[in-house]
Protein backbone atom coordinates (compact mmCIF):
# COMPACT_ATOMS: atom_id res chain seq x y z
CA UNK A 1 -39.37 -17.83 -15.25
CA UNK A 2 -39.87 -17.44 -11.62
CA UNK A 3 -43.25 -16.91 -10.16
CA UNK A 4 -43.06 -13.43 -8.97
CA UNK A 5 -44.43 -10.23 -10.34
CA UNK A 6 -42.82 -8.65 -13.30
CA UNK A 7 -42.14 -5.37 -11.80
CA UNK A 8 -40.32 -7.08 -8.99
CA UNK A 9 -38.12 -9.03 -11.36
CA UNK A 10 -37.49 -5.90 -13.52
CA UNK A 11 -36.40 -3.97 -10.24
CA UNK A 12 -34.23 -7.01 -9.12
CA UNK A 13 -32.61 -7.07 -12.54
CA UNK A 14 -31.97 -3.25 -12.49
CA UNK A 15 -30.52 -3.14 -9.01
CA UNK A 16 -28.22 -6.09 -9.60
CA UNK A 17 -26.96 -4.42 -12.88
CA UNK A 18 -26.35 -0.98 -10.93
CA UNK A 19 -24.41 -2.53 -8.31
CA UNK A 20 -22.44 -4.68 -10.43
CA UNK A 21 -21.56 -1.54 -12.44
CA UNK A 22 -20.56 0.56 -9.50
CA UNK A 23 -18.33 -2.07 -8.01
CA UNK A 24 -16.85 -2.99 -11.40
CA UNK A 25 -16.10 0.83 -12.21
CA UNK A 26 -14.78 1.21 -8.80
CA UNK A 27 -12.39 -1.70 -9.10
CA UNK A 28 -11.25 -0.13 -12.47
CA UNK A 29 -10.72 3.36 -11.26
CA UNK A 30 -8.68 1.92 -8.26
CA UNK A 31 -6.51 -0.08 -10.63
CA UNK A 32 -5.86 2.76 -12.90
CA UNK A 33 -4.96 5.09 -10.12
CA UNK A 34 -2.63 2.58 -8.73
CA UNK A 35 -0.96 2.04 -11.93
CA UNK A 36 -0.41 5.83 -12.34
CA UNK A 37 1.12 5.96 -8.86
CA UNK A 38 3.38 2.92 -9.92
CA UNK A 39 4.54 4.76 -12.98
CA UNK A 40 5.04 7.83 -11.20
CA UNK A 41 7.48 5.92 -8.67
CA UNK A 42 9.24 4.26 -11.58
CA UNK A 43 9.77 7.70 -13.00
CA UNK A 44 11.09 9.26 -9.78
CA UNK A 45 13.43 6.30 -9.02
CA UNK A 46 14.52 5.59 -12.48
CA UNK A 47 17.29 8.30 -12.93
CA UNK A 48 18.62 7.21 -9.47
CA UNK A 49 18.85 3.60 -10.28
CA UNK A 50 20.68 4.86 -13.74
CA UNK A 51 23.06 7.17 -12.07
CA UNK A 52 23.84 3.98 -9.52
CA UNK A 53 24.35 1.65 -12.32
CA UNK A 54 26.61 3.92 -14.28
CA UNK A 55 28.80 4.58 -10.88
CA UNK A 56 28.61 0.82 -10.11
CA UNK A 57 29.96 0.14 -13.89
CA UNK A 58 32.91 2.72 -13.69
CA UNK A 59 34.05 2.18 -10.05
CA UNK A 60 34.05 -1.59 -10.02
CA UNK A 61 36.61 -2.06 -12.57
CA UNK A 62 38.49 1.12 -11.55
CA UNK A 63 38.52 -0.59 -7.83
CA UNK A 64 39.91 -3.79 -9.30
CA UNK A 65 42.78 -1.81 -11.32
CA UNK A 66 43.79 0.07 -8.23
CA UNK A 67 43.91 -3.14 -5.98
CA UNK A 68 46.14 -5.08 -8.52
CA UNK A 69 48.40 -1.80 -8.54
CA UNK A 70 48.93 -1.82 -4.98
CA UNK A 71 49.21 -5.56 -4.76
CA UNK A 72 51.94 -5.38 -7.42
CA UNK A 73 53.74 -2.51 -5.77
CA UNK A 74 53.63 -4.31 -2.30
CA UNK A 75 55.07 -7.28 -3.52
CA UNK A 76 57.76 -5.43 -5.59
CA UNK A 77 58.84 -3.69 -2.24
CA UNK A 78 58.34 -6.95 -0.22
CA UNK A 79 55.80 -5.25 2.14
CA UNK A 80 53.30 -8.35 0.99
CA UNK A 81 54.58 -11.53 2.23
CA UNK A 82 52.40 -14.67 1.59
CA UNK A 83 53.15 -17.52 3.96
CA UNK A 84 50.95 -20.55 3.56
């Protein structure tokens, strides 16, 4: 054991424990708050993302179908001539 007074040793250990507890509690609280903020952002953005995915799933095949029909019409009427 260190050659210091018992009271000094106890005070040092208590101060270390209190400081460590305050710092650790603060870090945990900050992490919890940030995770709640992150969950709130996800909850706010999720309906928009789902809506955009649904629109993309519908419009991409629809665009391909419309393009094919327009290309077929242009070939049929002679308006689309491929050279080379």
